[in-house]
Amino acid sequence: MSEVRIIYRKYGGSLHWHQYARVLGEDEHGVWTGCPAGTAGRRGSEPPVVWPDPFVMLFPRNAWWTATFNARPNRCAIYCDVTTVPVCGDGRITMADLDLDVLRMRDGRLILDDEDEFAVHQVRYAYPEEIVRQAERSAAWLMEAVGGRTGPFGGAHDRWMSLVT
């Protein structure tokens, strides 16, 4: 399996979260990558963070989000970032993080997070109106799909997680 560098930037271009992952494959939902327990990532130039649990990430084609599916015992089962459409190529997957996040916790709670950060960054980074509308549409779609366990959120990740754990 090949390795890919995953790079999230803020809309203004500054480096946000970045890490390496193994490319696991592709299906109708997009490109799947995997990270075993102990994978390190960094936010910008901050010191590395080591994640104790394995996870897989989904990078859909032509959609304004990415998704991370965490293995147990992580309390967060699914963490979705609203982003620009992920771009795959040259050993990298890149996108701009648009702040809004949708989480499904193991106890079933569904959370729309960072609405305050989204409001602040609309001004700081001068998000165009179409970016704001698309981010809001994506967050609303994710709340419905993740909450309803439809599409890739209905267990599609299990097959890929088995390649990492």
N, C-alpha and C. Protein backbone atom coordinates (compact mmCIF):
# COMPACT_ATOMS: atom_id res chain seq x y z
N MET A 1 0.84 -1.19 0.00
CA MET A 1 0.00 0.00 0.00
C MET A 1 0.88 1.24 0.00
N SER A 2 0.45 2.24 -0.74
CA SER A 2 1.24 3.46 -0.82
C SER A 2 0.89 4.41 0.33
N GLU A 3 1.77 5.34 0.54
CA GLU A 3 1.58 6.34 1.59
C GLU A 3 1.23 7.66 0.93
N VAL A 4 0.41 8.44 1.61
CA VAL A 4 -0.01 9.74 1.10
C VAL A 4 0.09 10.76 2.23
N ARG A 5 0.41 11.99 1.87
CA ARG A 5 0.43 13.07 2.87
C ARG A 5 -0.92 13.78 2.81
N ILE A 6 -1.57 13.86 3.94
CA ILE A 6 -2.86 14.53 4.05
C ILE A 6 -2.62 15.92 4.61
N ILE A 7 -3.08 16.93 3.88
CA ILE A 7 -2.80 18.32 4.25
C ILE A 7 -4.09 19.13 4.27
N TYR A 8 -4.47 19.54 5.47
CA TYR A 8 -5.57 20.49 5.62
C TYR A 8 -4.95 21.87 5.79
N ARG A 9 -5.45 22.83 5.06
CA ARG A 9 -5.04 24.23 5.22
C ARG A 9 -6.26 25.03 5.64
N LYS A 10 -6.02 26.19 6.20
CA LYS A 10 -7.11 27.13 6.44
C LYS A 10 -7.39 27.83 5.11
N TYR A 11 -8.54 28.45 4.98
CA TYR A 11 -8.93 29.06 3.72
C TYR A 11 -7.90 30.08 3.25
N GLY A 12 -7.26 30.77 4.16
CA GLY A 12 -6.24 31.75 3.80
C GLY A 12 -4.93 31.12 3.33
N GLY A 13 -4.81 29.80 3.42
CA GLY A 13 -3.62 29.11 2.94
C GLY A 13 -2.68 28.60 4.01
N SER A 14 -2.86 29.03 5.26
CA SER A 14 -1.94 28.59 6.31
C SER A 14 -2.12 27.09 6.59
N LEU A 15 -1.01 26.46 6.92
CA LEU A 15 -1.01 25.03 7.20
C LEU A 15 -1.83 24.75 8.45
N HIS A 16 -2.70 23.76 8.36
CA HIS A 16 -3.53 23.35 9.51
C HIS A 16 -3.10 21.93 9.87
N TRP A 17 -3.99 20.97 9.99
CA TRP A 17 -3.60 19.60 10.34
C TRP A 17 -2.96 18.91 9.14
N HIS A 18 -1.90 18.14 9.42
CA HIS A 18 -1.23 17.38 8.37
C HIS A 18 -0.59 16.14 8.96
N GLN A 19 -0.57 15.07 8.15
CA GLN A 19 -0.06 13.77 8.61
C GLN A 19 0.13 12.87 7.39
N TYR A 20 0.72 11.73 7.62
CA TYR A 20 0.83 10.70 6.60
C TYR A 20 -0.17 9.59 6.90
N ALA A 21 -0.63 8.93 5.85
CA ALA A 21 -1.55 7.81 5.99
C ALA A 21 -1.30 6.83 4.85
N ARG A 22 -1.76 5.60 5.05
CA ARG A 22 -1.68 4.60 3.98
C ARG A 22 -2.93 4.68 3.12
N VAL A 23 -2.76 4.63 1.82
CA VAL A 23 -3.91 4.56 0.92
C VAL A 23 -4.42 3.12 0.96
N LEU A 24 -5.69 2.96 1.36
CA LEU A 24 -6.28 1.64 1.47
C LEU A 24 -7.00 1.22 0.20
N GLY A 25 -7.58 2.18 -0.51
CA GLY A 25 -8.30 1.89 -1.74
C GLY A 25 -9.39 2.90 -2.01
N GLU A 26 -10.19 2.60 -3.02
CA GLU A 26 -11.29 3.48 -3.41
C GLU A 26 -12.56 2.66 -3.59
N ASP A 27 -13.69 3.31 -3.37
CA ASP A 27 -14.98 2.72 -3.66
C ASP A 27 -15.91 3.81 -4.12
N GLU A 28 -17.21 3.53 -4.16
CA GLU A 28 -18.17 4.51 -4.64
C GLU A 28 -18.21 5.78 -3.78
N HIS A 29 -17.68 5.72 -2.56
CA HIS A 29 -17.71 6.87 -1.66
C HIS A 29 -16.49 7.78 -1.82
N GLY A 30 -15.39 7.25 -2.33
CA GLY A 30 -14.19 8.05 -2.51
C GLY A 30 -12.93 7.28 -2.18
N VAL A 31 -11.89 8.01 -1.80
CA VAL A 31 -10.59 7.44 -1.46
C VAL A 31 -10.53 7.22 0.05
N TRP A 32 -10.09 6.02 0.44
CA TRP A 32 -9.98 5.66 1.86
C TRP A 32 -8.51 5.56 2.23
N THR A 33 -8.15 6.16 3.36
CA THR A 33 -6.80 6.03 3.91
C THR A 33 -6.90 5.49 5.33
N GLY A 34 -5.80 4.93 5.82
CA GLY A 34 -5.82 4.37 7.16
C GLY A 34 -4.61 4.76 7.96
N CYS A 35 -4.81 4.88 9.27
CA CYS A 35 -3.75 5.22 10.21
C CYS A 35 -3.84 4.28 11.40
N PRO A 36 -2.78 3.52 11.66
CA PRO A 36 -2.80 2.64 12.83
C PRO A 36 -2.67 3.44 14.13
N ALA A 37 -2.94 2.80 15.24
CA ALA A 37 -2.71 3.44 16.55
C ALA A 37 -1.27 3.90 16.60
N GLY A 38 -1.05 5.07 17.18
CA GLY A 38 0.30 5.60 17.29
C GLY A 38 0.68 6.53 16.16
N THR A 39 -0.23 6.77 15.23
CA THR A 39 0.04 7.70 14.13
C THR A 39 0.20 9.11 14.70
N ALA A 40 1.16 9.84 14.16
CA ALA A 40 1.39 11.22 14.59
C ALA A 40 0.92 12.19 13.52
N GLY A 41 0.38 13.29 13.97
CA GLY A 41 -0.02 14.38 13.09
C GLY A 41 0.33 15.69 13.75
N ARG A 42 0.27 16.75 12.97
CA ARG A 42 0.61 18.07 13.51
C ARG A 42 -0.41 19.10 13.06
N ARG A 43 -0.64 20.07 13.91
CA ARG A 43 -1.43 21.24 13.53
C ARG A 43 -0.44 22.35 13.26
N GLY A 44 -0.34 22.75 12.00
CA GLY A 44 0.63 23.78 11.62
C GLY A 44 2.03 23.34 11.98
N SER A 45 2.74 24.19 12.72
CA SER A 45 4.11 23.85 13.14
C SER A 45 4.18 23.47 14.61
N GLU A 46 3.02 23.19 15.21
CA GLU A 46 2.98 22.77 16.62
C GLU A 46 3.65 21.41 16.77
N PRO A 47 4.00 21.02 18.00
CA PRO A 47 4.57 19.69 18.21
C PRO A 47 3.60 18.60 17.76
N PRO A 48 4.12 17.45 17.36
CA PRO A 48 3.25 16.36 16.91
C PRO A 48 2.31 15.88 18.02
N VAL A 49 1.15 15.40 17.58
CA VAL A 49 0.17 14.76 18.44
C VAL A 49 0.12 13.30 18.01
N VAL A 50 0.14 12.39 18.98
CA VAL A 50 0.06 10.96 18.67
C VAL A 50 -1.33 10.46 19.04
N TRP A 51 -2.02 9.88 18.05
CA TRP A 51 -3.37 9.39 18.29
C TRP A 51 -3.30 7.94 18.77
N PRO A 52 -3.93 7.65 19.91
CA PRO A 52 -3.82 6.31 20.49
C PRO A 52 -4.66 5.24 19.80
N ASP A 53 -5.68 5.65 19.04
CA ASP A 53 -6.58 4.69 18.41
C ASP A 53 -6.42 4.73 16.89
N PRO A 54 -6.59 3.58 16.23
CA PRO A 54 -6.54 3.58 14.77
C PRO A 54 -7.77 4.28 14.19
N PHE A 55 -7.63 4.74 12.95
CA PHE A 55 -8.75 5.38 12.27
C PHE A 55 -8.59 5.28 10.76
N VAL A 56 -9.70 5.43 10.07
CA VAL A 56 -9.68 5.53 8.62
C VAL A 56 -10.31 6.86 8.23
N MET A 57 -9.85 7.37 7.10
CA MET A 57 -10.36 8.65 6.60
C MET A 57 -10.92 8.46 5.20
N LEU A 58 -12.01 9.15 4.93
CA LEU A 58 -12.66 9.12 3.63
C LEU A 58 -12.55 10.50 2.99
N PHE A 59 -12.08 10.51 1.75
CA PHE A 59 -11.98 11.73 0.96
C PHE A 59 -12.88 11.55 -0.27
N PRO A 60 -14.11 12.08 -0.20
CA PRO A 60 -15.06 11.88 -1.30
C PRO A 60 -14.68 12.68 -2.54
N ARG A 61 -15.19 12.23 -3.66
CA ARG A 61 -15.00 12.96 -4.91
C ARG A 61 -16.11 14.00 -5.03
N ASN A 62 -15.77 15.21 -5.32
CA ASN A 62 -16.76 16.26 -5.60
C ASN A 62 -17.71 16.56 -4.45
N ALA A 63 -17.24 16.43 -3.22
CA ALA A 63 -18.05 16.80 -2.06
C ALA A 63 -17.22 17.70 -1.16
N TRP A 64 -17.89 18.55 -0.43
CA TRP A 64 -17.25 19.58 0.40
C TRP A 64 -17.09 19.11 1.84
N TRP A 65 -16.48 17.95 2.04
CA TRP A 65 -16.25 17.43 3.39
C TRP A 65 -15.26 16.28 3.32
N THR A 66 -14.73 15.94 4.50
CA THR A 66 -13.94 14.72 4.69
C THR A 66 -14.47 14.05 5.96
N ALA A 67 -14.18 12.76 6.12
CA ALA A 67 -14.69 12.05 7.30
C ALA A 67 -13.60 11.17 7.89
N THR A 68 -13.55 11.16 9.21
CA THR A 68 -12.66 10.27 9.96
C THR A 68 -13.53 9.34 10.79
N PHE A 69 -13.25 8.05 10.66
CA PHE A 69 -13.97 7.00 11.40
C PHE A 69 -12.99 6.42 12.41
N ASN A 70 -13.26 6.62 13.68
CA ASN A 70 -12.35 6.20 14.76
C ASN A 70 -12.73 4.83 15.31
N ALA A 71 -11.71 4.02 15.59
CA ALA A 71 -11.92 2.73 16.23
C ALA A 71 -12.21 2.93 17.72
N ARG A 72 -12.82 1.96 18.31
CA ARG A 72 -13.02 1.98 19.76
C ARG A 72 -11.66 1.89 20.43
N PRO A 73 -11.46 2.47 21.56
CA PRO A 73 -12.45 3.03 22.47
C PRO A 73 -12.69 4.54 22.29
N ASN A 74 -12.21 5.13 21.20
CA ASN A 74 -12.40 6.57 21.00
C ASN A 74 -13.87 6.92 21.19
N ARG A 75 -14.13 7.96 21.97
CA ARG A 75 -15.50 8.37 22.27
C ARG A 75 -16.22 8.97 21.06
N CYS A 76 -15.44 9.46 20.09
CA CYS A 76 -16.01 10.03 18.87
C CYS A 76 -15.95 8.96 17.77
N ALA A 77 -17.10 8.49 17.33
CA ALA A 77 -17.14 7.44 16.29
C ALA A 77 -16.81 8.02 14.92
N ILE A 78 -17.41 9.17 14.60
CA ILE A 78 -17.22 9.80 13.29
C ILE A 78 -16.98 11.29 13.49
N TYR A 79 -15.96 11.80 12.80
CA TYR A 79 -15.63 13.22 12.85
C TYR A 79 -15.54 13.70 11.41
N CYS A 80 -16.44 14.58 11.02
CA CYS A 80 -16.44 15.12 9.65
C CYS A 80 -16.03 16.58 9.67
N ASP A 81 -15.12 16.91 8.78
CA ASP A 81 -14.71 18.30 8.57
C ASP A 81 -15.40 18.82 7.32
N VAL A 82 -16.02 19.98 7.40
CA VAL A 82 -16.51 20.65 6.21
C VAL A 82 -15.29 21.33 5.59
N THR A 83 -15.04 21.03 4.31
CA THR A 83 -13.83 21.49 3.62
C THR A 83 -14.18 21.86 2.19
N THR A 84 -13.20 22.41 1.49
CA THR A 84 -13.32 22.49 0.05
C THR A 84 -13.19 21.06 -0.48
N VAL A 85 -13.50 20.84 -1.74
CA VAL A 85 -13.42 19.50 -2.32
C VAL A 85 -11.98 19.01 -2.24
N PRO A 86 -11.75 17.82 -1.65
CA PRO A 86 -10.39 17.29 -1.56
C PRO A 86 -9.78 17.06 -2.95
N VAL A 87 -8.50 17.38 -3.07
CA VAL A 87 -7.76 17.19 -4.31
C VAL A 87 -6.70 16.14 -4.06
N CYS A 88 -6.73 15.07 -4.87
CA CYS A 88 -5.76 13.98 -4.75
C CYS A 88 -4.77 14.05 -5.89
N GLY A 89 -3.48 13.93 -5.57
CA GLY A 89 -2.45 13.90 -6.61
C GLY A 89 -1.08 14.17 -6.05
N ASP A 90 -0.06 13.70 -6.76
CA ASP A 90 1.34 13.92 -6.37
C ASP A 90 1.63 13.45 -4.95
N GLY A 91 1.02 12.32 -4.54
CA GLY A 91 1.28 11.77 -3.22
C GLY A 91 0.66 12.56 -2.08
N ARG A 92 -0.32 13.42 -2.42
CA ARG A 92 -0.96 14.25 -1.40
C ARG A 92 -2.47 14.30 -1.59
N ILE A 93 -3.15 14.55 -0.50
CA ILE A 93 -4.57 14.89 -0.53
C ILE A 93 -4.67 16.22 0.20
N THR A 94 -5.17 17.24 -0.48
CA THR A 94 -5.21 18.58 0.09
C THR A 94 -6.62 19.16 0.02
N MET A 95 -6.92 20.01 0.98
CA MET A 95 -8.20 20.71 1.03
C MET A 95 -8.09 21.86 2.02
N ALA A 96 -9.04 22.78 1.94
CA ALA A 96 -9.11 23.87 2.91
C ALA A 96 -10.20 23.56 3.92
N ASP A 97 -9.85 23.63 5.19
CA ASP A 97 -10.79 23.40 6.29
C ASP A 97 -11.67 24.64 6.42
N LEU A 98 -12.99 24.43 6.39
CA LEU A 98 -13.94 25.54 6.50
C LEU A 98 -14.61 25.58 7.86
N ASP A 99 -13.93 25.07 8.86
CA ASP A 99 -14.26 25.23 10.28
C ASP A 99 -15.38 24.34 10.81
N LEU A 100 -16.50 24.27 10.13
CA LEU A 100 -17.63 23.51 10.65
C LEU A 100 -17.30 22.02 10.71
N ASP A 101 -17.71 21.37 11.78
CA ASP A 101 -17.47 19.94 11.98
C ASP A 101 -18.77 19.28 12.41
N VAL A 102 -18.95 18.04 11.97
CA VAL A 102 -20.10 17.23 12.39
C VAL A 102 -19.53 15.98 13.04
N LEU A 103 -19.95 15.72 14.28
CA LEU A 103 -19.45 14.57 15.05
C LEU A 103 -20.60 13.68 15.47
N ARG A 104 -20.35 12.37 15.38
CA ARG A 104 -21.27 11.41 16.01
C ARG A 104 -20.49 10.70 17.10
N MET A 105 -20.94 10.88 18.32
CA MET A 105 -20.29 10.29 19.46
C MET A 105 -20.76 8.84 19.62
N ARG A 106 -19.98 8.05 20.34
CA ARG A 106 -20.35 6.64 20.55
C ARG A 106 -21.69 6.50 21.26
N ASP A 107 -22.03 7.50 22.10
CA ASP A 107 -23.30 7.42 22.83
C ASP A 107 -24.50 7.86 21.97
N GLY A 108 -24.24 8.15 20.67
CA GLY A 108 -25.31 8.51 19.76
C GLY A 108 -25.52 9.99 19.55
N ARG A 109 -24.91 10.83 20.41
CA ARG A 109 -25.09 12.28 20.24
C ARG A 109 -24.53 12.73 18.90
N LEU A 110 -25.24 13.65 18.27
CA LEU A 110 -24.82 14.26 17.01
C LEU A 110 -24.53 15.73 17.30
N ILE A 111 -23.35 16.20 16.91
CA ILE A 111 -22.91 17.55 17.27
C ILE A 111 -22.49 18.31 16.03
N LEU A 112 -22.99 19.54 15.87
CA LEU A 112 -22.48 20.48 14.88
C LEU A 112 -21.55 21.41 15.66
N ASP A 113 -20.26 21.36 15.34
CA ASP A 113 -19.25 22.07 16.13
C ASP A 113 -18.62 23.21 15.35
N ASP A 114 -18.10 24.16 16.10
CA ASP A 114 -17.29 25.28 15.60
C ASP A 114 -18.05 26.29 14.75
N GLU A 115 -19.34 26.46 15.03
CA GLU A 115 -20.09 27.50 14.34
C GLU A 115 -19.53 28.88 14.65
N ASP A 116 -19.03 29.07 15.89
CA ASP A 116 -18.44 30.36 16.26
C ASP A 116 -17.16 30.62 15.46
N GLU A 117 -16.33 29.61 15.30
CA GLU A 117 -15.10 29.75 14.51
C GLU A 117 -15.44 30.05 13.05
N PHE A 118 -16.47 29.40 12.53
CA PHE A 118 -16.90 29.63 11.15
C PHE A 118 -17.31 31.10 10.97
N ALA A 119 -18.04 31.66 11.92
CA ALA A 119 -18.46 33.06 11.84
C ALA A 119 -17.25 34.00 11.87
N VAL A 120 -16.30 33.74 12.76
CA VAL A 120 -15.10 34.58 12.87
C VAL A 120 -14.26 34.49 11.59
N HIS A 121 -14.08 33.28 11.07
CA HIS A 121 -13.23 33.09 9.90
C HIS A 121 -13.86 33.61 8.61
N GLN A 122 -15.18 33.71 8.57
CA GLN A 122 -15.82 34.32 7.40
C GLN A 122 -15.30 35.75 7.20
N VAL A 123 -15.07 36.43 8.31
CA VAL A 123 -14.55 37.80 8.26
C VAL A 123 -13.03 37.79 8.08
N ARG A 124 -12.33 37.02 8.93
CA ARG A 124 -10.86 37.00 8.90
C ARG A 124 -10.31 36.60 7.53
N TYR A 125 -10.88 35.55 6.93
CA TYR A 125 -10.38 35.03 5.65
C TYR A 125 -11.20 35.50 4.45
N ALA A 126 -12.18 36.36 4.69
CA ALA A 126 -13.02 36.92 3.62
C ALA A 126 -13.60 35.81 2.73
N TYR A 127 -14.27 34.85 3.37
CA TYR A 127 -14.89 33.77 2.59
C TYR A 127 -15.86 34.39 1.58
N PRO A 128 -15.76 34.00 0.33
CA PRO A 128 -16.78 34.43 -0.64
C PRO A 128 -18.15 33.87 -0.24
N GLU A 129 -19.20 34.55 -0.63
CA GLU A 129 -20.55 34.13 -0.26
C GLU A 129 -20.84 32.69 -0.70
N GLU A 130 -20.35 32.29 -1.88
CA GLU A 130 -20.59 30.92 -2.35
C GLU A 130 -19.90 29.89 -1.45
N ILE A 131 -18.74 30.22 -0.91
CA ILE A 131 -18.04 29.32 0.03
C ILE A 131 -18.88 29.17 1.30
N VAL A 132 -19.42 30.28 1.80
CA VAL A 132 -20.25 30.24 3.01
C VAL A 132 -21.48 29.38 2.77
N ARG A 133 -22.16 29.60 1.64
CA ARG A 133 -23.37 28.82 1.33
C ARG A 133 -23.04 27.34 1.18
N GLN A 134 -21.95 27.03 0.48
CA GLN A 134 -21.59 25.63 0.27
C GLN A 134 -21.23 24.95 1.59
N ALA A 135 -20.50 25.65 2.46
CA ALA A 135 -20.15 25.08 3.77
C ALA A 135 -21.40 24.81 4.59
N GLU A 136 -22.35 25.74 4.58
CA GLU A 136 -23.59 25.55 5.33
C GLU A 136 -24.41 24.40 4.76
N ARG A 137 -24.46 24.28 3.43
CA ARG A 137 -25.18 23.16 2.80
C ARG A 137 -24.53 21.83 3.16
N SER A 138 -23.20 21.79 3.13
CA SER A 138 -22.49 20.55 3.45
C SER A 138 -22.72 20.15 4.90
N ALA A 139 -22.66 21.12 5.80
CA ALA A 139 -22.89 20.82 7.22
C ALA A 139 -24.30 20.28 7.43
N ALA A 140 -25.30 20.88 6.78
CA ALA A 140 -26.68 20.41 6.92
C ALA A 140 -26.82 18.99 6.35
N TRP A 141 -26.19 18.74 5.19
CA TRP A 141 -26.25 17.40 4.60
C TRP A 141 -25.58 16.38 5.51
N LEU A 142 -24.42 16.73 6.07
CA LEU A 142 -23.71 15.82 6.98
C LEU A 142 -24.53 15.53 8.23
N MET A 143 -25.18 16.54 8.79
CA MET A 143 -26.00 16.30 9.98
C MET A 143 -27.07 15.25 9.68
N GLU A 144 -27.69 15.34 8.51
CA GLU A 144 -28.72 14.38 8.14
C GLU A 144 -28.13 13.01 7.84
N ALA A 145 -27.06 12.96 7.04
CA ALA A 145 -26.48 11.67 6.63
C ALA A 145 -25.80 10.95 7.79
N VAL A 146 -25.03 11.67 8.58
CA VAL A 146 -24.34 11.04 9.71
C VAL A 146 -25.37 10.61 10.75
N GLY A 147 -26.32 11.49 11.04
CA GLY A 147 -27.36 11.16 12.01
C GLY A 147 -28.23 10.00 11.56
N GLY A 148 -28.51 9.93 10.25
CA GLY A 148 -29.36 8.88 9.71
C GLY A 148 -28.61 7.62 9.32
N ARG A 149 -27.28 7.67 9.49
CA ARG A 149 -26.42 6.52 9.15
C ARG A 149 -26.64 6.07 7.71
N THR A 150 -26.68 7.05 6.81
CA THR A 150 -26.87 6.76 5.38
C THR A 150 -25.57 6.98 4.62
N GLY A 151 -25.53 6.46 3.40
CA GLY A 151 -24.34 6.60 2.56
C GLY A 151 -23.13 5.98 3.25
N PRO A 152 -21.99 6.67 3.20
CA PRO A 152 -20.78 6.11 3.80
C PRO A 152 -20.84 6.02 5.33
N PHE A 153 -21.88 6.59 5.93
CA PHE A 153 -21.99 6.63 7.39
C PHE A 153 -22.81 5.47 7.94
N GLY A 154 -23.13 4.51 7.08
CA GLY A 154 -23.91 3.35 7.50
C GLY A 154 -23.07 2.09 7.65
N GLY A 155 -21.77 2.24 7.86
CA GLY A 155 -20.92 1.08 8.08
C GLY A 155 -19.94 0.80 6.95
N ALA A 156 -19.89 1.66 5.93
CA ALA A 156 -18.96 1.45 4.81
C ALA A 156 -17.50 1.41 5.27
N HIS A 157 -17.22 2.05 6.38
CA HIS A 157 -15.83 2.13 6.87
C HIS A 157 -15.34 0.81 7.48
N ASP A 158 -16.24 -0.08 7.87
CA ASP A 158 -15.84 -1.32 8.56
C ASP A 158 -14.84 -2.12 7.73
N ARG A 159 -15.10 -2.26 6.47
CA ARG A 159 -14.22 -3.01 5.57
C ARG A 159 -12.80 -2.41 5.58
N TRP A 160 -12.74 -1.09 5.55
CA TRP A 160 -11.44 -0.42 5.49
C TRP A 160 -10.74 -0.45 6.84
N MET A 161 -11.51 -0.33 7.91
CA MET A 161 -10.93 -0.37 9.26
C MET A 161 -10.26 -1.72 9.51
N SER A 162 -10.82 -2.77 8.94
CA SER A 162 -10.24 -4.10 9.15
C SER A 162 -8.82 -4.20 8.57
N LEU A 163 -8.46 -3.31 7.67
CA LEU A 163 -7.13 -3.29 7.09
C LEU A 163 -6.12 -2.53 7.95
N VAL A 164 -6.63 -1.82 8.96
CA VAL A 164 -5.78 -0.98 9.80
C VAL A 164 -5.62 -1.55 11.19
N THR A 165 -6.67 -2.17 11.74
CA THR A 165 -6.63 -2.65 13.12
C THR A 165 -6.11 -4.07 13.21
